[in-house]
Amino acid sequence: IEGPEIDDLNSRLNEHQSGQEITGLIN
C-alpha cells in the first residue's frame, strides 16, 4: 500500500460527516 492510500484511509477514518460512505474499517 502506498503512502497516499494510507493517508486517504486515515483521513476517511477521522472525518465526522454523517453522510459519508461507511466501510467496515470506518464503522
mmCIF file of all heavy atoms, coordinates in Angstrom:
data_MODEL
# 
_entry.id   MODEL 
# 
loop_
_atom_site.group_PDB 
_atom_site.id 
_atom_site.type_symbol 
_atom_site.label_atom_id 
_atom_site.label_alt_id 
_atom_site.label_comp_id 
_atom_site.label_asym_id 
_atom_site.label_entity_id 
_atom_site.label_seq_id 
_atom_site.pdbx_PDB_ins_code 
_atom_site.Cartn_x 
_atom_site.Cartn_y 
_atom_site.Cartn_z 
_atom_site.occupancy 
_atom_site.B_iso_or_equiv 
_atom_site.pdbx_formal_charge 
_atom_site.auth_seq_id 
_atom_site.auth_comp_id 
_atom_site.auth_asym_id 
_atom_site.auth_atom_id 
_atom_site.pdbx_PDB_model_num 
ATOM 1   N N   . ILE A 1 1  ? 0.860   -1.178 0.000  1.00 0.00 ? 1  ILE A N   1 
ATOM 2   C CA  . ILE A 1 1  ? 0.000   0.000  0.000  1.00 0.00 ? 1  ILE A CA  1 
ATOM 3   C C   . ILE A 1 1  ? 0.897   1.229  0.000  1.00 0.00 ? 1  ILE A C   1 
ATOM 4   O O   . ILE A 1 1  ? 1.907   1.270  0.696  1.00 0.00 ? 1  ILE A O   1 
ATOM 5   C CB  . ILE A 1 1  ? -0.974  -0.017 1.201  1.00 0.00 ? 1  ILE A CB  1 
ATOM 6   C CG1 . ILE A 1 1  ? -1.955  1.143  1.108  1.00 0.00 ? 1  ILE A CG1 1 
ATOM 7   C CG2 . ILE A 1 1  ? -0.247  -0.051 2.507  1.00 0.00 ? 1  ILE A CG2 1 
ATOM 8   C CD1 . ILE A 1 1  ? -3.127  1.013  2.058  1.00 0.00 ? 1  ILE A CD1 1 
ATOM 9   N N   . GLU A 1 2  ? 0.541   2.193  -0.798 1.00 0.00 ? 2  GLU A N   1 
ATOM 10  C CA  . GLU A 1 2  ? 1.347   3.406  -0.944 1.00 0.00 ? 2  GLU A CA  1 
ATOM 11  C C   . GLU A 1 2  ? 0.946   4.450  0.085  1.00 0.00 ? 2  GLU A C   1 
ATOM 12  O O   . GLU A 1 2  ? -0.171  4.445  0.602  1.00 0.00 ? 2  GLU A O   1 
ATOM 13  C CB  . GLU A 1 2  ? 1.172   3.975  -2.355 1.00 0.00 ? 2  GLU A CB  1 
ATOM 14  C CG  . GLU A 1 2  ? 1.597   3.006  -3.455 1.00 0.00 ? 2  GLU A CG  1 
ATOM 15  C CD  . GLU A 1 2  ? 3.060   2.613  -3.381 1.00 0.00 ? 2  GLU A CD  1 
ATOM 16  O OE1 . GLU A 1 2  ? 3.904   3.478  -3.065 1.00 0.00 ? 2  GLU A OE1 1 
ATOM 17  O OE2 . GLU A 1 2  ? 3.362   1.440  -3.619 1.00 0.00 ? 2  GLU A OE2 1 
ATOM 18  N N   . GLY A 1 3  ? 1.840   5.374  0.346  1.00 0.00 ? 3  GLY A N   1 
ATOM 19  C CA  . GLY A 1 3  ? 1.619   6.447  1.308  1.00 0.00 ? 3  GLY A CA  1 
ATOM 20  C C   . GLY A 1 3  ? 0.323   7.217  1.092  1.00 0.00 ? 3  GLY A C   1 
ATOM 21  O O   . GLY A 1 3  ? -0.424  7.444  2.050  1.00 0.00 ? 3  GLY A O   1 
ATOM 22  N N   . PRO A 1 4  ? 0.019   7.652  -0.152 1.00 0.00 ? 4  PRO A N   1 
ATOM 23  C CA  . PRO A 1 4  ? -1.235  8.392  -0.372 1.00 0.00 ? 4  PRO A CA  1 
ATOM 24  C C   . PRO A 1 4  ? -2.487  7.580  -0.033 1.00 0.00 ? 4  PRO A C   1 
ATOM 25  O O   . PRO A 1 4  ? -3.465  8.127  0.462  1.00 0.00 ? 4  PRO A O   1 
ATOM 26  C CB  . PRO A 1 4  ? -1.195  8.731  -1.866 1.00 0.00 ? 4  PRO A CB  1 
ATOM 27  C CG  . PRO A 1 4  ? 0.255   8.741  -2.210 1.00 0.00 ? 4  PRO A CG  1 
ATOM 28  C CD  . PRO A 1 4  ? 0.872   7.660  -1.341 1.00 0.00 ? 4  PRO A CD  1 
ATOM 29  N N   . GLU A 1 5  ? -2.449  6.260  -0.278 1.00 0.00 ? 5  GLU A N   1 
ATOM 30  C CA  . GLU A 1 5  ? -3.594  5.415  0.061  1.00 0.00 ? 5  GLU A CA  1 
ATOM 31  C C   . GLU A 1 5  ? -3.775  5.329  1.579  1.00 0.00 ? 5  GLU A C   1 
ATOM 32  O O   . GLU A 1 5  ? -4.893  5.363  2.080  1.00 0.00 ? 5  GLU A O   1 
ATOM 33  C CB  . GLU A 1 5  ? -3.409  4.010  -0.513 1.00 0.00 ? 5  GLU A CB  1 
ATOM 34  C CG  . GLU A 1 5  ? -3.439  3.957  -2.024 1.00 0.00 ? 5  GLU A CG  1 
ATOM 35  C CD  . GLU A 1 5  ? -3.039  2.596  -2.547 1.00 0.00 ? 5  GLU A CD  1 
ATOM 36  O OE1 . GLU A 1 5  ? -1.920  2.150  -2.257 1.00 0.00 ? 5  GLU A OE1 1 
ATOM 37  O OE2 . GLU A 1 5  ? -3.876  1.986  -3.245 1.00 0.00 ? 5  GLU A OE2 1 
ATOM 38  N N   . ILE A 1 6  ? -2.668  5.229  2.302  1.00 0.00 ? 6  ILE A N   1 
ATOM 39  C CA  . ILE A 1 6  ? -2.728  5.190  3.762  1.00 0.00 ? 6  ILE A CA  1 
ATOM 40  C C   . ILE A 1 6  ? -3.253  6.521  4.292  1.00 0.00 ? 6  ILE A C   1 
ATOM 41  O O   . ILE A 1 6  ? -4.117  6.559  5.170  1.00 0.00 ? 6  ILE A O   1 
ATOM 42  C CB  . ILE A 1 6  ? -1.350  4.869  4.361  1.00 0.00 ? 6  ILE A CB  1 
ATOM 43  C CG1 . ILE A 1 6  ? -0.963  3.419  4.030  1.00 0.00 ? 6  ILE A CG1 1 
ATOM 44  C CG2 . ILE A 1 6  ? -1.340  5.088  5.874  1.00 0.00 ? 6  ILE A CG2 1 
ATOM 45  C CD1 . ILE A 1 6  ? 0.456   3.061  4.392  1.00 0.00 ? 6  ILE A CD1 1 
ATOM 46  N N   . ASP A 1 7  ? -2.733  7.630  3.746  1.00 0.00 ? 7  ASP A N   1 
ATOM 47  C CA  . ASP A 1 7  ? -3.182  8.955  4.164  1.00 0.00 ? 7  ASP A CA  1 
ATOM 48  C C   . ASP A 1 7  ? -4.678  9.133  3.916  1.00 0.00 ? 7  ASP A C   1 
ATOM 49  O O   . ASP A 1 7  ? -5.396  9.689  4.751  1.00 0.00 ? 7  ASP A O   1 
ATOM 50  C CB  . ASP A 1 7  ? -2.397  10.054 3.448  1.00 0.00 ? 7  ASP A CB  1 
ATOM 51  C CG  . ASP A 1 7  ? -0.938  10.096 3.857  1.00 0.00 ? 7  ASP A CG  1 
ATOM 52  O OD1 . ASP A 1 7  ? -0.583  9.521  4.918  1.00 0.00 ? 7  ASP A OD1 1 
ATOM 53  O OD2 . ASP A 1 7  ? -0.141  10.681 3.100  1.00 0.00 ? 7  ASP A OD2 1 
ATOM 54  N N   . ASP A 1 8  ? -5.148  8.660  2.755  1.00 0.00 ? 8  ASP A N   1 
ATOM 55  C CA  . ASP A 1 8  ? -6.570  8.772  2.415  1.00 0.00 ? 8  ASP A CA  1 
ATOM 56  C C   . ASP A 1 8  ? -7.426  7.973  3.388  1.00 0.00 ? 8  ASP A C   1 
ATOM 57  O O   . ASP A 1 8  ? -8.461  8.457  3.870  1.00 0.00 ? 8  ASP A O   1 
ATOM 58  C CB  . ASP A 1 8  ? -6.811  8.300  0.977  1.00 0.00 ? 8  ASP A CB  1 
ATOM 59  C CG  . ASP A 1 8  ? -8.279  8.380  0.592  1.00 0.00 ? 8  ASP A CG  1 
ATOM 60  O OD1 . ASP A 1 8  ? -8.858  9.493  0.680  1.00 0.00 ? 8  ASP A OD1 1 
ATOM 61  O OD2 . ASP A 1 8  ? -8.848  7.340  0.212  1.00 0.00 ? 8  ASP A OD2 1 
ATOM 62  N N   . LEU A 1 9  ? -7.004  6.755  3.710  1.00 0.00 ? 9  LEU A N   1 
ATOM 63  C CA  . LEU A 1 9  ? -7.768  5.932  4.640  1.00 0.00 ? 9  LEU A CA  1 
ATOM 64  C C   . LEU A 1 9  ? -7.805  6.574  6.023  1.00 0.00 ? 9  LEU A C   1 
ATOM 65  O O   . LEU A 1 9  ? -8.869  6.665  6.644  1.00 0.00 ? 9  LEU A O   1 
ATOM 66  C CB  . LEU A 1 9  ? -7.179  4.530  4.727  1.00 0.00 ? 9  LEU A CB  1 
ATOM 67  C CG  . LEU A 1 9  ? -7.861  3.585  5.720  1.00 0.00 ? 9  LEU A CG  1 
ATOM 68  C CD1 . LEU A 1 9  ? -9.359  3.456  5.454  1.00 0.00 ? 9  LEU A CD1 1 
ATOM 69  C CD2 . LEU A 1 9  ? -7.181  2.229  5.687  1.00 0.00 ? 9  LEU A CD2 1 
ATOM 70  N N   . ASN A 1 10 ? -6.672  7.058  6.515  1.00 0.00 ? 10 ASN A N   1 
ATOM 71  C CA  . ASN A 1 10 ? -6.652  7.711  7.826  1.00 0.00 ? 10 ASN A CA  1 
ATOM 72  C C   . ASN A 1 10 ? -7.517  8.962  7.827  1.00 0.00 ? 10 ASN A C   1 
ATOM 73  O O   . ASN A 1 10 ? -8.199  9.253  8.809  1.00 0.00 ? 10 ASN A O   1 
ATOM 74  C CB  . ASN A 1 10 ? -5.218  8.045  8.245  1.00 0.00 ? 10 ASN A CB  1 
ATOM 75  C CG  . ASN A 1 10 ? -4.493  6.828  8.763  1.00 0.00 ? 10 ASN A CG  1 
ATOM 76  O OD1 . ASN A 1 10 ? -5.051  6.010  9.469  1.00 0.00 ? 10 ASN A OD1 1 
ATOM 77  N ND2 . ASN A 1 10 ? -3.230  6.711  8.391  1.00 0.00 ? 10 ASN A ND2 1 
ATOM 78  N N   . SER A 1 11 ? -7.523  9.699  6.728  1.00 0.00 ? 11 SER A N   1 
ATOM 79  C CA  . SER A 1 11 ? -8.368  10.885 6.620  1.00 0.00 ? 11 SER A CA  1 
ATOM 80  C C   . SER A 1 11 ? -9.845  10.497 6.689  1.00 0.00 ? 11 SER A C   1 
ATOM 81  O O   . SER A 1 11 ? -10.637 11.125 7.394  1.00 0.00 ? 11 SER A O   1 
ATOM 82  C CB  . SER A 1 11 ? -8.071  11.618 5.317  1.00 0.00 ? 11 SER A CB  1 
ATOM 83  O OG  . SER A 1 11 ? -8.940  12.701 5.150  1.00 0.00 ? 11 SER A OG  1 
ATOM 84  N N   . ARG A 1 12 ? -10.226 9.442  5.960  1.00 0.00 ? 12 ARG A N   1 
ATOM 85  C CA  . ARG A 1 12 ? -11.621 8.988  5.977  1.00 0.00 ? 12 ARG A CA  1 
ATOM 86  C C   . ARG A 1 12 ? -12.029 8.460  7.346  1.00 0.00 ? 12 ARG A C   1 
ATOM 87  O O   . ARG A 1 12 ? -13.163 8.631  7.773  1.00 0.00 ? 12 ARG A O   1 
ATOM 88  C CB  . ARG A 1 12 ? -11.850 7.936  4.901  1.00 0.00 ? 12 ARG A CB  1 
ATOM 89  C CG  . ARG A 1 12 ? -11.786 8.536  3.516  1.00 0.00 ? 12 ARG A CG  1 
ATOM 90  C CD  . ARG A 1 12 ? -12.148 7.601  2.402  1.00 0.00 ? 12 ARG A CD  1 
ATOM 91  N NE  . ARG A 1 12 ? -12.524 6.275  2.826  1.00 0.00 ? 12 ARG A NE  1 
ATOM 92  C CZ  . ARG A 1 12 ? -12.352 5.190  2.099  1.00 0.00 ? 12 ARG A CZ  1 
ATOM 93  N NH1 . ARG A 1 12 ? -11.823 5.257  0.909  1.00 0.00 ? 12 ARG A NH1 1 
ATOM 94  N NH2 . ARG A 1 12 ? -12.725 4.013  2.542  1.00 0.00 ? 12 ARG A NH2 1 
ATOM 95  N N   . LEU A 1 13 ? -11.081 7.826  8.061  1.00 0.00 ? 13 LEU A N   1 
ATOM 96  C CA  . LEU A 1 13 ? -11.383 7.345  9.408  1.00 0.00 ? 13 LEU A CA  1 
ATOM 97  C C   . LEU A 1 13 ? -11.740 8.496  10.341 1.00 0.00 ? 13 LEU A C   1 
ATOM 98  O O   . LEU A 1 13 ? -12.584 8.363  11.221 1.00 0.00 ? 13 LEU A O   1 
ATOM 99  C CB  . LEU A 1 13 ? -10.192 6.581  9.995  1.00 0.00 ? 13 LEU A CB  1 
ATOM 100 C CG  . LEU A 1 13 ? -9.920  5.189  9.440  1.00 0.00 ? 13 LEU A CG  1 
ATOM 101 C CD1 . LEU A 1 13 ? -8.597  4.657  9.972  1.00 0.00 ? 13 LEU A CD1 1 
ATOM 102 C CD2 . LEU A 1 13 ? -11.051 4.224  9.753  1.00 0.00 ? 13 LEU A CD2 1 
ATOM 103 N N   . ASN A 1 14 ? -11.095 9.643  10.141 1.00 0.00 ? 14 ASN A N   1 
ATOM 104 C CA  . ASN A 1 14 ? -11.260 10.755 11.073 1.00 0.00 ? 14 ASN A CA  1 
ATOM 105 C C   . ASN A 1 14 ? -12.247 11.822 10.624 1.00 0.00 ? 14 ASN A C   1 
ATOM 106 O O   . ASN A 1 14 ? -12.432 12.809 11.327 1.00 0.00 ? 14 ASN A O   1 
ATOM 107 C CB  . ASN A 1 14 ? -9.895  11.371 11.378 1.00 0.00 ? 14 ASN A CB  1 
ATOM 108 C CG  . ASN A 1 14 ? -9.064  10.411 12.191 1.00 0.00 ? 14 ASN A CG  1 
ATOM 109 O OD1 . ASN A 1 14 ? -9.462  10.001 13.269 1.00 0.00 ? 14 ASN A OD1 1 
ATOM 110 N ND2 . ASN A 1 14 ? -7.927  10.017 11.654 1.00 0.00 ? 14 ASN A ND2 1 
ATOM 111 N N   . GLU A 1 15 ? -12.899 11.636 9.466  1.00 0.00 ? 15 GLU A N   1 
ATOM 112 C CA  . GLU A 1 15 ? -13.936 12.575 9.040  1.00 0.00 ? 15 GLU A CA  1 
ATOM 113 C C   . GLU A 1 15 ? -15.150 12.413 9.941  1.00 0.00 ? 15 GLU A C   1 
ATOM 114 O O   . GLU A 1 15 ? -15.463 11.325 10.397 1.00 0.00 ? 15 GLU A O   1 
ATOM 115 C CB  . GLU A 1 15 ? -14.347 12.312 7.589  1.00 0.00 ? 15 GLU A CB  1 
ATOM 116 C CG  . GLU A 1 15 ? -13.313 12.759 6.594  1.00 0.00 ? 15 GLU A CG  1 
ATOM 117 C CD  . GLU A 1 15 ? -13.740 12.451 5.158  1.00 0.00 ? 15 GLU A CD  1 
ATOM 118 O OE1 . GLU A 1 15 ? -14.806 11.848 4.941  1.00 0.00 ? 15 GLU A OE1 1 
ATOM 119 O OE2 . GLU A 1 15 ? -12.976 12.819 4.262  1.00 0.00 ? 15 GLU A OE2 1 
ATOM 120 N N   . HIS A 1 16 ? -15.836 13.508 10.169 1.00 0.00 ? 16 HIS A N   1 
ATOM 121 C CA  . HIS A 1 16 ? -17.009 13.474 11.051 1.00 0.00 ? 16 HIS A CA  1 
ATOM 122 C C   . HIS A 1 16 ? -18.296 13.700 10.278 1.00 0.00 ? 16 HIS A C   1 
ATOM 123 O O   . HIS A 1 16 ? -19.280 14.150 10.837 1.00 0.00 ? 16 HIS A O   1 
ATOM 124 C CB  . HIS A 1 16 ? -16.863 14.523 12.154 1.00 0.00 ? 16 HIS A CB  1 
ATOM 125 C CG  . HIS A 1 16 ? -15.683 14.262 13.032 1.00 0.00 ? 16 HIS A CG  1 
ATOM 126 N ND1 . HIS A 1 16 ? -15.644 13.217 13.922 1.00 0.00 ? 16 HIS A ND1 1 
ATOM 127 C CD2 . HIS A 1 16 ? -14.492 14.877 13.127 1.00 0.00 ? 16 HIS A CD2 1 
ATOM 128 C CE1 . HIS A 1 16 ? -14.484 13.212 14.549 1.00 0.00 ? 16 HIS A CE1 1 
ATOM 129 N NE2 . HIS A 1 16 ? -13.764 14.208 14.086 1.00 0.00 ? 16 HIS A NE2 1 
ATOM 130 N N   . GLN A 1 17 ? -18.306 13.403 9.003  1.00 0.00 ? 17 GLN A N   1 
ATOM 131 C CA  . GLN A 1 17 ? -19.511 13.600 8.204  1.00 0.00 ? 17 GLN A CA  1 
ATOM 132 C C   . GLN A 1 17 ? -20.439 12.415 8.380  1.00 0.00 ? 17 GLN A C   1 
ATOM 133 O O   . GLN A 1 17 ? -20.030 11.266 8.273  1.00 0.00 ? 17 GLN A O   1 
ATOM 134 C CB  . GLN A 1 17 ? -19.142 13.741 6.721  1.00 0.00 ? 17 GLN A CB  1 
ATOM 135 C CG  . GLN A 1 17 ? -18.241 14.917 6.431  1.00 0.00 ? 17 GLN A CG  1 
ATOM 136 C CD  . GLN A 1 17 ? -17.768 14.913 4.991  1.00 0.00 ? 17 GLN A CD  1 
ATOM 137 O OE1 . GLN A 1 17 ? -18.192 14.091 4.197  1.00 0.00 ? 17 GLN A OE1 1 
ATOM 138 N NE2 . GLN A 1 17 ? -16.892 15.839 4.665  1.00 0.00 ? 17 GLN A NE2 1 
ATOM 139 N N   . SER A 1 18 ? -21.695 12.695 8.627  1.00 0.00 ? 18 SER A N   1 
ATOM 140 C CA  . SER A 1 18 ? -22.646 11.613 8.848  1.00 0.00 ? 18 SER A CA  1 
ATOM 141 C C   . SER A 1 18 ? -23.055 10.927 7.556  1.00 0.00 ? 18 SER A C   1 
ATOM 142 O O   . SER A 1 18 ? -23.471 9.788  7.579  1.00 0.00 ? 18 SER A O   1 
ATOM 143 C CB  . SER A 1 18 ? -23.885 12.144 9.571  1.00 0.00 ? 18 SER A CB  1 
ATOM 144 O OG  . SER A 1 18 ? -24.511 13.143 8.784  1.00 0.00 ? 18 SER A OG  1 
ATOM 145 N N   . GLY A 1 19 ? -22.924 11.575 6.418  1.00 0.00 ? 19 GLY A N   1 
ATOM 146 C CA  . GLY A 1 19 ? -23.374 11.001 5.164  1.00 0.00 ? 19 GLY A CA  1 
ATOM 147 C C   . GLY A 1 19 ? -22.300 10.280 4.383  1.00 0.00 ? 19 GLY A C   1 
ATOM 148 O O   . GLY A 1 19 ? -22.544 9.843  3.276  1.00 0.00 ? 19 GLY A O   1 
ATOM 149 N N   . GLN A 1 20 ? -21.104 10.130 4.952  1.00 0.00 ? 20 GLN A N   1 
ATOM 150 C CA  . GLN A 1 20 ? -20.021 9.511  4.198  1.00 0.00 ? 20 GLN A CA  1 
ATOM 151 C C   . GLN A 1 20 ? -20.238 8.010  4.048  1.00 0.00 ? 20 GLN A C   1 
ATOM 152 O O   . GLN A 1 20 ? -20.976 7.392  4.800  1.00 0.00 ? 20 GLN A O   1 
ATOM 153 C CB  . GLN A 1 20 ? -18.676 9.780  4.857  1.00 0.00 ? 20 GLN A CB  1 
ATOM 154 C CG  . GLN A 1 20 ? -18.403 8.934  6.087  1.00 0.00 ? 20 GLN A CG  1 
ATOM 155 C CD  . GLN A 1 20 ? -17.049 9.236  6.686  1.00 0.00 ? 20 GLN A CD  1 
ATOM 156 O OE1 . GLN A 1 20 ? -16.546 10.327 6.559  1.00 0.00 ? 20 GLN A OE1 1 
ATOM 157 N NE2 . GLN A 1 20 ? -16.476 8.272  7.350  1.00 0.00 ? 20 GLN A NE2 1 
ATOM 158 N N   . GLU A 1 21 ? -19.577 7.447  3.053  1.00 0.00 ? 21 GLU A N   1 
ATOM 159 C CA  . GLU A 1 21 ? -19.621 6.004  2.840  1.00 0.00 ? 21 GLU A CA  1 
ATOM 160 C C   . GLU A 1 21 ? -19.082 5.308  4.082  1.00 0.00 ? 21 GLU A C   1 
ATOM 161 O O   . GLU A 1 21 ? -18.083 5.722  4.660  1.00 0.00 ? 21 GLU A O   1 
ATOM 162 C CB  . GLU A 1 21 ? -18.749 5.655  1.628  1.00 0.00 ? 21 GLU A CB  1 
ATOM 163 C CG  . GLU A 1 21 ? -18.528 4.182  1.452  1.00 0.00 ? 21 GLU A CG  1 
ATOM 164 C CD  . GLU A 1 21 ? -17.423 3.879  0.468  1.00 0.00 ? 21 GLU A CD  1 
ATOM 165 O OE1 . GLU A 1 21 ? -16.892 4.799  -0.158 1.00 0.00 ? 21 GLU A OE1 1 
ATOM 166 O OE2 . GLU A 1 21 ? -17.089 2.703  0.353  1.00 0.00 ? 21 GLU A OE2 1 
ATOM 167 N N   . ILE A 1 22 ? -19.753 4.257  4.507  1.00 0.00 ? 22 ILE A N   1 
ATOM 168 C CA  . ILE A 1 22 ? -19.310 3.522  5.686  1.00 0.00 ? 22 ILE A CA  1 
ATOM 169 C C   . ILE A 1 22 ? -18.772 2.166  5.227  1.00 0.00 ? 22 ILE A C   1 
ATOM 170 O O   . ILE A 1 22 ? -19.510 1.333  4.721  1.00 0.00 ? 22 ILE A O   1 
ATOM 171 C CB  . ILE A 1 22 ? -20.461 3.310  6.692  1.00 0.00 ? 22 ILE A CB  1 
ATOM 172 C CG1 . ILE A 1 22 ? -21.032 4.643  7.161  1.00 0.00 ? 22 ILE A CG1 1 
ATOM 173 C CG2 . ILE A 1 22 ? -19.994 2.483  7.866  1.00 0.00 ? 22 ILE A CG2 1 
ATOM 174 C CD1 . ILE A 1 22 ? -20.070 5.503  7.953  1.00 0.00 ? 22 ILE A CD1 1 
ATOM 175 N N   . THR A 1 23 ? -17.469 1.978  5.392  1.00 0.00 ? 23 THR A N   1 
ATOM 176 C CA  . THR A 1 23 ? -16.869 0.679  5.131  1.00 0.00 ? 23 THR A CA  1 
ATOM 177 C C   . THR A 1 23 ? -16.632 0.001  6.470  1.00 0.00 ? 23 THR A C   1 
ATOM 178 O O   . THR A 1 23 ? -16.790 0.614  7.528  1.00 0.00 ? 23 THR A O   1 
ATOM 179 C CB  . THR A 1 23 ? -15.533 0.820  4.381  1.00 0.00 ? 23 THR A CB  1 
ATOM 180 O OG1 . THR A 1 23 ? -14.614 1.529  5.218  1.00 0.00 ? 23 THR A OG1 1 
ATOM 181 C CG2 . THR A 1 23 ? -15.701 1.553  3.062  1.00 0.00 ? 23 THR A CG2 1 
ATOM 182 N N   . GLY A 1 24 ? -16.226 -1.244 6.447  1.00 0.00 ? 24 GLY A N   1 
ATOM 183 C CA  . GLY A 1 24 ? -16.008 -1.994 7.675  1.00 0.00 ? 24 GLY A CA  1 
ATOM 184 C C   . GLY A 1 24 ? -15.048 -1.302 8.627  1.00 0.00 ? 24 GLY A C   1 
ATOM 185 O O   . GLY A 1 24 ? -15.324 -1.162 9.814  1.00 0.00 ? 24 GLY A O   1 
ATOM 186 N N   . LEU A 1 25 ? -13.891 -0.860 8.119  1.00 0.00 ? 25 LEU A N   1 
ATOM 187 C CA  . LEU A 1 25 ? -12.902 -0.220 8.979  1.00 0.00 ? 25 LEU A CA  1 
ATOM 188 C C   . LEU A 1 25 ? -13.427 1.087  9.562  1.00 0.00 ? 25 LEU A C   1 
ATOM 189 O O   . LEU A 1 25 ? -13.208 1.379  10.743 1.00 0.00 ? 25 LEU A O   1 
ATOM 190 C CB  . LEU A 1 25 ? -11.605 0.040  8.222  1.00 0.00 ? 25 LEU A CB  1 
ATOM 191 C CG  . LEU A 1 25 ? -10.762 -1.188 7.884  1.00 0.00 ? 25 LEU A CG  1 
ATOM 192 C CD1 . LEU A 1 25 ? -9.564  -0.791 7.028  1.00 0.00 ? 25 LEU A CD1 1 
ATOM 193 C CD2 . LEU A 1 25 ? -10.312 -1.909 9.136  1.00 0.00 ? 25 LEU A CD2 1 
ATOM 194 N N   . ILE A 1 26 ? -14.100 1.871  8.757  1.00 0.00 ? 26 ILE A N   1 
ATOM 195 C CA  . ILE A 1 26 ? -14.636 3.150  9.241  1.00 0.00 ? 26 ILE A CA  1 
ATOM 196 C C   . ILE A 1 26 ? -15.706 2.899  10.302 1.00 0.00 ? 26 ILE A C   1 
ATOM 197 O O   . ILE A 1 26 ? -15.746 3.574  11.331 1.00 0.00 ? 26 ILE A O   1 
ATOM 198 C CB  . ILE A 1 26 ? -15.181 3.993  8.069  1.00 0.00 ? 26 ILE A CB  1 
ATOM 199 C CG1 . ILE A 1 26 ? -14.012 4.425  7.170  1.00 0.00 ? 26 ILE A CG1 1 
ATOM 200 C CG2 . ILE A 1 26 ? -15.951 5.206  8.574  1.00 0.00 ? 26 ILE A CG2 1 
ATOM 201 C CD1 . ILE A 1 26 ? -14.426 5.054  5.857  1.00 0.00 ? 26 ILE A CD1 1 
ATOM 202 N N   . ASN A 1 27 ? -16.550 1.907  10.075 1.00 0.00 ? 27 ASN A N   1 
ATOM 203 C CA  . ASN A 1 27 ? -17.592 1.571  11.041 1.00 0.00 ? 27 ASN A CA  1 
ATOM 204 C C   . ASN A 1 27 ? -16.971 1.135  12.371 1.00 0.00 ? 27 ASN A C   1 
ATOM 205 O O   . ASN A 1 27 ? -17.405 1.584  13.444 1.00 0.00 ? 27 ASN A O   1 
ATOM 206 C CB  . ASN A 1 27 ? -18.494 0.474  10.473 1.00 0.00 ? 27 ASN A CB  1 
ATOM 207 C CG  . ASN A 1 27 ? -19.704 0.223  11.323 1.00 0.00 ? 27 ASN A CG  1 
ATOM 208 O OD1 . ASN A 1 27 ? -20.220 1.115  11.978 1.00 0.00 ? 27 ASN A OD1 1 
ATOM 209 N ND2 . ASN A 1 27 ? -20.163 -1.015 11.311 1.00 0.00 ? 27 ASN A ND2 1 
# 
